[in-house]
Amino acid sequence: MTTMTDDPHLAMIRPIVPRVRGACEDCLRLGTPWLHLRMCLTCGHVGCCDSSPMRHARYHAHELGHPIVRSAEPGEDWRWCYFHGAYV
């Protein structure tokens, strides 16, 4: 897996606590399904992945300007920048 180590958005990563565990917080509110979860590393928002119908993690990144997420799936340990479309 190739990563961008010079992504300027890495500076936006904060010590966070997930706002919910095991669910997309927006899908819970709307009653919609999700597949995989991503956690915003700026504010702790937990949203669903791009394979999910609503793509809440991507929407959150672009709506609030919080581009870096990490997988919230068990056994996965990677981060993604939505603005650059790359692992970081």
PDB file of N, CA and C in Angstrom:
ATOM      1  N   MET A   1       0.847  -1.168   0.000  1.00  0.00           N
ATOM      2  CA  MET A   1       0.000   0.000   0.000  1.00  0.00           C
ATOM      3  C   MET A   1       0.900   1.241   0.000  1.00  0.00           C
ATOM      4  N   THR A   2       0.743   2.094  -0.986  1.00  0.00           N
ATOM      5  CA  THR A   2       1.488   3.339  -1.065  1.00  0.00           C
ATOM      6  C   THR A   2       0.776   4.398  -0.240  1.00  0.00           C
ATOM      7  N   THR A   3       1.547   5.192   0.510  1.00  0.00           N
ATOM      8  CA  THR A   3       0.946   6.254   1.319  1.00  0.00           C
ATOM      9  C   THR A   3       1.600   7.579   1.011  1.00  0.00           C
ATOM     10  N   MET A   4       0.845   8.652   1.251  1.00  0.00           N
ATOM     11  CA  MET A   4       1.376  10.007   1.147  1.00  0.00           C
ATOM     12  C   MET A   4       1.815  10.432   2.539  1.00  0.00           C
ATOM     13  N   THR A   5       3.095  10.603   2.749  1.00  0.00           N
ATOM     14  CA  THR A   5       3.572  11.020   4.068  1.00  0.00           C
ATOM     15  C   THR A   5       3.714  12.525   4.174  1.00  0.00           C
ATOM     16  N   ASP A   6       3.569  13.228   3.053  1.00  0.00           N
ATOM     17  CA  ASP A   6       3.697  14.686   3.078  1.00  0.00           C
ATOM     18  C   ASP A   6       2.354  15.379   2.908  1.00  0.00           C
ATOM     19  N   ASP A   7       1.259  14.686   3.134  1.00  0.00           N
ATOM     20  CA  ASP A   7      -0.077  15.270   3.007  1.00  0.00           C
ATOM     21  C   ASP A   7      -0.229  16.382   4.046  1.00  0.00           C
ATOM     22  N   PRO A   8      -0.513  17.616   3.620  1.00  0.00           N
ATOM     23  CA  PRO A   8      -0.643  18.721   4.575  1.00  0.00           C
ATOM     24  C   PRO A   8      -1.827  18.554   5.522  1.00  0.00           C
ATOM     25  N   HIS A   9      -2.784  17.699   5.174  1.00  0.00           N
ATOM     26  CA  HIS A   9      -3.950  17.510   6.034  1.00  0.00           C
ATOM     27  C   HIS A   9      -3.646  16.663   7.266  1.00  0.00           C
ATOM     28  N   LEU A  10      -2.488  16.014   7.304  1.00  0.00           N
ATOM     29  CA  LEU A  10      -2.114  15.241   8.493  1.00  0.00           C
ATOM     30  C   LEU A  10      -2.065  16.125   9.735  1.00  0.00           C
ATOM     31  N   ALA A  11      -1.816  17.403   9.555  1.00  0.00           N
ATOM     32  CA  ALA A  11      -1.779  18.340  10.684  1.00  0.00           C
ATOM     33  C   ALA A  11      -3.154  18.521  11.320  1.00  0.00           C
ATOM     34  N   MET A  12      -4.208  18.092  10.642  1.00  0.00           N
ATOM     35  CA  MET A  12      -5.574  18.227  11.169  1.00  0.00           C
ATOM     36  C   MET A  12      -5.959  17.079  12.106  1.00  0.00           C
ATOM     37  N   ILE A  13      -5.102  16.065  12.213  1.00  0.00           N
ATOM     38  CA  ILE A  13      -5.406  14.929  13.090  1.00  0.00           C
ATOM     39  C   ILE A  13      -5.321  15.386  14.544  1.00  0.00           C
ATOM     40  N   ARG A  14      -6.339  15.033  15.305  1.00  0.00           N
ATOM     41  CA  ARG A  14      -6.434  15.398  16.720  1.00  0.00           C
ATOM     42  C   ARG A  14      -6.627  14.127  17.549  1.00  0.00           C
ATOM     43  N   PRO A  15      -6.311  14.176  18.847  1.00  0.00           N
ATOM     44  CA  PRO A  15      -6.687  13.052  19.716  1.00  0.00           C
ATOM     45  C   PRO A  15      -8.214  13.039  19.811  1.00  0.00           C
ATOM     46  N   ILE A  16      -8.830  11.983  19.390  1.00  0.00           N
ATOM     47  CA  ILE A  16     -10.295  11.953  19.344  1.00  0.00           C
ATOM     48  C   ILE A  16     -10.825  10.702  20.022  1.00  0.00           C
ATOM     49  N   VAL A  17     -12.097  10.772  20.333  1.00  0.00           N
ATOM     50  CA  VAL A  17     -12.857   9.631  20.826  1.00  0.00           C
ATOM     51  C   VAL A  17     -14.017   9.470  19.855  1.00  0.00           C
ATOM     52  N   PRO A  18     -14.278   8.242  19.370  1.00  0.00           N
ATOM     53  CA  PRO A  18     -15.412   8.079  18.457  1.00  0.00           C
ATOM     54  C   PRO A  18     -16.713   8.529  19.114  1.00  0.00           C
ATOM     55  N   ARG A  19     -17.543   9.220  18.344  1.00  0.00           N
ATOM     56  CA  ARG A  19     -18.801   9.723  18.891  1.00  0.00           C
ATOM     57  C   ARG A  19     -19.820   8.597  19.070  1.00  0.00           C
ATOM     58  N   VAL A  20     -19.716   7.534  18.279  1.00  0.00           N
ATOM     59  CA  VAL A  20     -20.515   6.308  18.447  1.00  0.00           C
ATOM     60  C   VAL A  20     -19.596   5.128  18.168  1.00  0.00           C
ATOM     61  N   ARG A  21     -19.989   3.956  18.596  1.00  0.00           N
ATOM     62  CA  ARG A  21     -19.195   2.752  18.327  1.00  0.00           C
ATOM     63  C   ARG A  21     -20.056   1.738  17.588  1.00  0.00           C
ATOM     64  N   GLY A  22     -19.477   1.179  16.520  1.00  0.00           N
ATOM     65  CA  GLY A  22     -20.132   0.098  15.812  1.00  0.00           C
ATOM     66  C   GLY A  22     -21.271   0.482  14.904  1.00  0.00           C
ATOM     67  N   ALA A  23     -21.414   1.776  14.603  1.00  0.00           N
ATOM     68  CA  ALA A  23     -22.515   2.218  13.746  1.00  0.00           C
ATOM     69  C   ALA A  23     -22.165   3.546  13.095  1.00  0.00           C
ATOM     70  N   CYS A  24     -22.770   3.807  11.965  1.00  0.00           N
ATOM     71  CA  CYS A  24     -22.687   5.130  11.337  1.00  0.00           C
ATOM     72  C   CYS A  24     -23.685   6.029  12.055  1.00  0.00           C
ATOM     73  N   GLU A  25     -23.209   7.107  12.641  1.00  0.00           N
ATOM     74  CA  GLU A  25     -24.120   7.954  13.420  1.00  0.00           C
ATOM     75  C   GLU A  25     -25.208   8.584  12.557  1.00  0.00           C
ATOM     76  N   ASP A  26     -24.910   8.897  11.306  1.00  0.00           N
ATOM     77  CA  ASP A  26     -25.919   9.496  10.430  1.00  0.00           C
ATOM     78  C   ASP A  26     -26.944   8.456   9.971  1.00  0.00           C
ATOM     79  N   CYS A  27     -26.480   7.244   9.653  1.00  0.00           N
ATOM     80  CA  CYS A  27     -27.405   6.175   9.263  1.00  0.00           C
ATOM     81  C   CYS A  27     -28.328   5.810  10.425  1.00  0.00           C
ATOM     82  N   LEU A  28     -27.795   5.818  11.641  1.00  0.00           N
ATOM     83  CA  LEU A  28     -28.647   5.548  12.806  1.00  0.00           C
ATOM     84  C   LEU A  28     -29.773   6.566  12.882  1.00  0.00           C
ATOM     85  N   ARG A  29     -29.427   7.829  12.706  1.00  0.00           N
ATOM     86  CA  ARG A  29     -30.418   8.904  12.784  1.00  0.00           C
ATOM     87  C   ARG A  29     -31.454   8.800  11.674  1.00  0.00           C
ATOM     88  N   LEU A  30     -31.005   8.414  10.455  1.00  0.00           N
ATOM     89  CA  LEU A  30     -31.895   8.369   9.290  1.00  0.00           C
ATOM     90  C   LEU A  30     -32.573   7.016   9.087  1.00  0.00           C
ATOM     91  N   GLY A  31     -32.085   5.993   9.770  1.00  0.00           N
ATOM     92  CA  GLY A  31     -32.637   4.658   9.577  1.00  0.00           C
ATOM     93  C   GLY A  31     -32.207   4.021   8.268  1.00  0.00           C
ATOM     94  N   THR A  32     -31.005   4.353   7.788  1.00  0.00           N
ATOM     95  CA  THR A  32     -30.487   3.798   6.537  1.00  0.00           C
ATOM     96  C   THR A  32     -29.384   2.781   6.833  1.00  0.00           C
ATOM     97  N   PRO A  33     -29.123   1.862   5.900  1.00  0.00           N
ATOM     98  CA  PRO A  33     -28.100   0.830   6.129  1.00  0.00           C
ATOM     99  C   PRO A  33     -26.697   1.337   5.825  1.00  0.00           C
ATOM    100  N   TRP A  34     -25.693   0.675   6.403  1.00  0.00           N
ATOM    101  CA  TRP A  34     -24.292   0.970   6.115  1.00  0.00           C
ATOM    102  C   TRP A  34     -23.541  -0.334   5.972  1.00  0.00           C
ATOM    103  N   LEU A  35     -22.342  -0.247   5.387  1.00  0.00           N
ATOM    104  CA  LEU A  35     -21.493  -1.437   5.250  1.00  0.00           C
ATOM    105  C   LEU A  35     -20.286  -1.363   6.168  1.00  0.00           C
ATOM    106  N   HIS A  36     -19.377  -0.437   5.891  1.00  0.00           N
ATOM    107  CA  HIS A  36     -18.143  -0.320   6.664  1.00  0.00           C
ATOM    108  C   HIS A  36     -18.059   1.079   7.258  1.00  0.00           C
ATOM    109  N   LEU A  37     -17.299   1.208   8.332  1.00  0.00           N
ATOM    110  CA  LEU A  37     -17.257   2.466   9.072  1.00  0.00           C
ATOM    111  C   LEU A  37     -15.897   3.140   8.969  1.00  0.00           C
ATOM    112  N   ARG A  38     -15.931   4.477   8.939  1.00  0.00           N
ATOM    113  CA  ARG A  38     -14.742   5.314   8.916  1.00  0.00           C
ATOM    114  C   ARG A  38     -14.898   6.377  10.005  1.00  0.00           C
ATOM    115  N   MET A  39     -13.795   6.644  10.715  1.00  0.00           N
ATOM    116  CA  MET A  39     -13.839   7.641  11.778  1.00  0.00           C
ATOM    117  C   MET A  39     -13.003   8.859  11.405  1.00  0.00           C
ATOM    118  N   CYS A  40     -13.605  10.027  11.515  1.00  0.00           N
ATOM    119  CA  CYS A  40     -12.916  11.283  11.253  1.00  0.00           C
ATOM    120  C   CYS A  40     -11.846  11.493  12.319  1.00  0.00           C
ATOM    121  N   LEU A  41     -10.629  11.776  11.885  1.00  0.00           N
ATOM    122  CA  LEU A  41      -9.536  11.977  12.834  1.00  0.00           C
ATOM    123  C   LEU A  41      -9.383  13.430  13.264  1.00  0.00           C
ATOM    124  N   THR A  42     -10.338  14.275  12.863  1.00  0.00           N
ATOM    125  CA  THR A  42     -10.367  15.649  13.355  1.00  0.00           C
ATOM    126  C   THR A  42     -11.379  15.803  14.485  1.00  0.00           C
ATOM    127  N   CYS A  43     -12.560  15.146  14.354  1.00  0.00           N
ATOM    128  CA  CYS A  43     -13.616  15.357  15.354  1.00  0.00           C
ATOM    129  C   CYS A  43     -14.220  14.085  15.938  1.00  0.00           C
ATOM    130  N   GLY A  44     -13.913  12.908  15.386  1.00  0.00           N
ATOM    131  CA  GLY A  44     -14.451  11.671  15.919  1.00  0.00           C
ATOM    132  C   GLY A  44     -15.767  11.217  15.297  1.00  0.00           C
ATOM    133  N   HIS A  45     -16.277  11.941  14.304  1.00  0.00           N
ATOM    134  CA  HIS A  45     -17.504  11.525  13.604  1.00  0.00           C
ATOM    135  C   HIS A  45     -17.301  10.134  13.016  1.00  0.00           C
ATOM    136  N   VAL A  46     -18.264   9.242  13.195  1.00  0.00           N
ATOM    137  CA  VAL A  46     -18.210   7.907  12.604  1.00  0.00           C
ATOM    138  C   VAL A  46     -19.245   7.863  11.487  1.00  0.00           C
ATOM    139  N   GLY A  47     -18.745   7.638  10.266  1.00  0.00           N
ATOM    140  CA  GLY A  47     -19.620   7.605   9.099  1.00  0.00           C
ATOM    141  C   GLY A  47     -19.396   6.351   8.283  1.00  0.00           C
ATOM    142  N   CYS A  48     -20.309   6.119   7.354  1.00  0.00           N
ATOM    143  CA  CYS A  48     -20.227   4.921   6.511  1.00  0.00           C
ATOM    144  C   CYS A  48     -19.344   5.169   5.292  1.00  0.00           C
ATOM    145  N   CYS A  49     -18.819   4.073   4.749  1.00  0.00           N
ATOM    146  CA  CYS A  49     -17.850   4.106   3.653  1.00  0.00           C
ATOM    147  C   CYS A  49     -18.502   4.398   2.297  1.00  0.00           C
ATOM    148  N   ASP A  50     -17.679   4.507   1.281  1.00  0.00           N
ATOM    149  CA  ASP A  50     -18.162   4.775  -0.073  1.00  0.00           C
ATOM    150  C   ASP A  50     -18.924   3.610  -0.679  1.00  0.00           C
ATOM    151  N   SER A  51     -18.811   2.414  -0.117  1.00  0.00           N
ATOM    152  CA  SER A  51     -19.601   1.277  -0.593  1.00  0.00           C
ATOM    153  C   SER A  51     -20.996   1.253   0.025  1.00  0.00           C
ATOM    154  N   SER A  52     -21.219   2.101   1.010  1.00  0.00           N
ATOM    155  CA  SER A  52     -22.530   2.217   1.646  1.00  0.00           C
ATOM    156  C   SER A  52     -23.417   3.140   0.815  1.00  0.00           C
ATOM    157  N   PRO A  53     -24.726   2.953   0.883  1.00  0.00           N
ATOM    158  CA  PRO A  53     -25.623   3.780   0.052  1.00  0.00           C
ATOM    159  C   PRO A  53     -25.480   5.287   0.268  1.00  0.00           C
ATOM    160  N   MET A  54     -25.273   5.725   1.503  1.00  0.00           N
ATOM    161  CA  MET A  54     -25.285   7.165   1.790  1.00  0.00           C
ATOM    162  C   MET A  54     -23.904   7.827   1.816  1.00  0.00           C
ATOM    163  N   ARG A  55     -22.833   7.061   1.927  1.00  0.00           N
ATOM    164  CA  ARG A  55     -21.465   7.589   1.890  1.00  0.00           C
ATOM    165  C   ARG A  55     -21.249   8.748   2.874  1.00  0.00           C
ATOM    166  N   HIS A  56     -21.685   8.584   4.103  1.00  0.00           N
ATOM    167  CA  HIS A  56     -21.636   9.668   5.085  1.00  0.00           C
ATOM    168  C   HIS A  56     -20.228  10.121   5.451  1.00  0.00           C
ATOM    169  N   ALA A  57     -19.243   9.222   5.460  1.00  0.00           N
ATOM    170  CA  ALA A  57     -17.876   9.644   5.809  1.00  0.00           C
ATOM    171  C   ALA A  57     -17.351  10.626   4.766  1.00  0.00           C
ATOM    172  N   ARG A  58     -17.561  10.335   3.492  1.00  0.00           N
ATOM    173  CA  ARG A  58     -17.129  11.238   2.420  1.00  0.00           C
ATOM    174  C   ARG A  58     -17.867  12.576   2.511  1.00  0.00           C
ATOM    175  N   TYR A  59     -19.167  12.515   2.732  1.00  0.00           N
ATOM    176  CA  TYR A  59     -19.957  13.741   2.845  1.00  0.00           C
ATOM    177  C   TYR A  59     -19.432  14.600   3.998  1.00  0.00           C
ATOM    178  N   HIS A  60     -19.181  13.978   5.142  1.00  0.00           N
ATOM    179  CA  HIS A  60     -18.657  14.702   6.311  1.00  0.00           C
ATOM    180  C   HIS A  60     -17.331  15.379   5.975  1.00  0.00           C
ATOM    181  N   ALA A  61     -16.438  14.644   5.323  1.00  0.00           N
ATOM    182  CA  ALA A  61     -15.123  15.192   4.980  1.00  0.00           C
ATOM    183  C   ALA A  61     -15.254  16.451   4.132  1.00  0.00           C
ATOM    184  N   HIS A  62     -16.092  16.408   3.119  1.00  0.00           N
ATOM    185  CA  HIS A  62     -16.214  17.547   2.214  1.00  0.00           C
ATOM    186  C   HIS A  62     -17.079  18.667   2.786  1.00  0.00           C
ATOM    187  N   GLU A  63     -18.102  18.321   3.535  1.00  0.00           N
ATOM    188  CA  GLU A  63     -18.984  19.338   4.116  1.00  0.00           C
ATOM    189  C   GLU A  63     -18.291  20.127   5.226  1.00  0.00           C
ATOM    190  N   LEU A  64     -17.519  19.436   6.073  1.00  0.00           N
ATOM    191  CA  LEU A  64     -16.886  20.104   7.216  1.00  0.00           C
ATOM    192  C   LEU A  64     -15.405  20.386   7.013  1.00  0.00           C
ATOM    193  N   GLY A  65     -14.827  19.875   5.927  1.00  0.00           N
ATOM    194  CA  GLY A  65     -13.406  20.109   5.690  1.00  0.00           C
ATOM    195  C   GLY A  65     -12.510  19.277   6.584  1.00  0.00           C
ATOM    196  N   HIS A  66     -12.971  18.088   6.953  1.00  0.00           N
ATOM    197  CA  HIS A  66     -12.205  17.151   7.779  1.00  0.00           C
ATOM    198  C   HIS A  66     -11.803  15.969   6.904  1.00  0.00           C
ATOM    199  N   PRO A  67     -10.678  16.017   6.207  1.00  0.00           N
ATOM    200  CA  PRO A  67     -10.380  15.037   5.164  1.00  0.00           C
ATOM    201  C   PRO A  67      -9.817  13.699   5.600  1.00  0.00           C
ATOM    202  N   ILE A  68      -9.232  13.585   6.784  1.00  0.00           N
ATOM    203  CA  ILE A  68      -8.531  12.353   7.159  1.00  0.00           C
ATOM    204  C   ILE A  68      -9.431  11.467   8.021  1.00  0.00           C
ATOM    205  N   VAL A  69      -9.594  10.216   7.585  1.00  0.00           N
ATOM    206  CA  VAL A  69     -10.343   9.220   8.350  1.00  0.00           C
ATOM    207  C   VAL A  69      -9.454   8.006   8.557  1.00  0.00           C
ATOM    208  N   ARG A  70      -9.844   7.193   9.502  1.00  0.00           N
ATOM    209  CA  ARG A  70      -9.235   5.875   9.635  1.00  0.00           C
ATOM    210  C   ARG A  70     -10.362   4.869   9.620  1.00  0.00           C
ATOM    211  N   SER A  71     -10.024   3.663   9.232  1.00  0.00           N
ATOM    212  CA  SER A  71     -11.018   2.601   9.253  1.00  0.00           C
ATOM    213  C   SER A  71     -11.442   2.350  10.691  1.00  0.00           C
ATOM    214  N   ALA A  72     -12.727   2.159  10.897  1.00  0.00           N
ATOM    215  CA  ALA A  72     -13.248   1.801  12.213  1.00  0.00           C
ATOM    216  C   ALA A  72     -13.667   0.335  12.225  1.00  0.00           C
ATOM    217  N   GLU A  73     -13.138  -0.426  11.276  1.00  0.00           N
ATOM    218  CA  GLU A  73     -13.431  -1.849  11.183  1.00  0.00           C
ATOM    219  C   GLU A  73     -12.429  -2.646  12.006  1.00  0.00           C
ATOM    220  N   PRO A  74     -12.890  -3.682  12.712  1.00  0.00           N
ATOM    221  CA  PRO A  74     -11.973  -4.515  13.496  1.00  0.00           C
ATOM    222  C   PRO A  74     -10.860  -5.105  12.622  1.00  0.00           C
ATOM    223  N   GLY A  75      -9.632  -5.035  13.120  1.00  0.00           N
ATOM    224  CA  GLY A  75      -8.492  -5.606  12.416  1.00  0.00           C
ATOM    225  C   GLY A  75      -7.912  -4.732  11.314  1.00  0.00           C
ATOM    226  N   GLU A  76      -8.494  -3.580  11.058  1.00  0.00           N
ATOM    227  CA  GLU A  76      -7.964  -2.677  10.029  1.00  0.00           C
ATOM    228  C   GLU A  76      -7.291  -1.486  10.695  1.00  0.00           C
ATOM    229  N   ASP A  77      -6.150  -1.081  10.129  1.00  0.00           N
ATOM    230  CA  ASP A  77      -5.387   0.028  10.702  1.00  0.00           C
ATOM    231  C   ASP A  77      -4.811   0.871   9.571  1.00  0.00           C
ATOM    232  N   TRP A  78      -5.668   1.639   8.900  1.00  0.00           N
ATOM    233  CA  TRP A  78      -5.204   2.503   7.822  1.00  0.00           C
ATOM    234  C   TRP A  78      -5.947   3.827   7.886  1.00  0.00           C
ATOM    235  N   ARG A  79      -5.328   4.835   7.275  1.00  0.00           N
ATOM    236  CA  ARG A  79      -5.919   6.173   7.213  1.00  0.00           C
ATOM    237  C   ARG A  79      -6.029   6.586   5.746  1.00  0.00           C
ATOM    238  N   TRP A  80      -7.013   7.433   5.453  1.00  0.00           N
ATOM    239  CA  TRP A  80      -7.300   7.863   4.091  1.00  0.00           C
ATOM    240  C   TRP A  80      -7.565   9.364   4.079  1.00  0.00           C
ATOM    241  N   CYS A  81      -7.041  10.058   3.069  1.00  0.00           N
ATOM    242  CA  CYS A  81      -7.345  11.474   2.869  1.00  0.00           C
ATOM    243  C   CYS A  81      -8.347  11.579   1.727  1.00  0.00           C
ATOM    244  N   TYR A  82      -9.562  12.027   2.033  1.00  0.00           N
ATOM    245  CA  TYR A  82     -10.579  12.192   0.995  1.00  0.00           C
ATOM    246  C   TYR A  82     -10.203  13.285   0.003  1.00  0.00           C
ATOM    247  N   PHE A  83      -9.474  14.303   0.430  1.00  0.00           N
ATOM    248  CA  PHE A  83      -9.127  15.401  -0.480  1.00  0.00           C
ATOM    249  C   PHE A  83      -8.093  14.979  -1.513  1.00  0.00           C
ATOM    250  N   HIS A  84      -7.159  14.105  -1.125  1.00  0.00           N
ATOM    251  CA  HIS A  84      -6.121  13.652  -2.053  1.00  0.00           C
ATOM    252  C   HIS A  84      -6.411  12.277  -2.638  1.00  0.00           C
ATOM    253  N   GLY A  85      -7.398  11.573  -2.113  1.00  0.00           N
ATOM    254  CA  GLY A  85      -7.716  10.243  -2.592  1.00  0.00           C
ATOM    255  C   GLY A  85      -6.558   9.281  -2.419  1.00  0.00           C
ATOM    256  N   ALA A  86      -5.933   9.323  -1.227  1.00  0.00           N
ATOM    257  CA  ALA A  86      -4.734   8.508  -0.985  1.00  0.00           C
ATOM    258  C   ALA A  86      -4.655   8.085   0.472  1.00  0.00           C
ATOM    259  N   TYR A  87      -3.988   6.949   0.687  1.00  0.00           N
ATOM    260  CA  TYR A  87      -3.676   6.522   2.061  1.00  0.00           C
ATOM    261  C   TYR A  87      -2.619   7.455   2.628  1.00  0.00           C
ATOM    262  N   VAL A  88      -2.742   7.744   3.915  1.00  0.00           N
ATOM    263  CA  VAL A  88      -1.768   8.613   4.588  1.00  0.00           C
ATOM    264  C   VAL A  88      -1.297   7.978   5.885  1.00  0.00           C
TER     265      VAL A  88
END
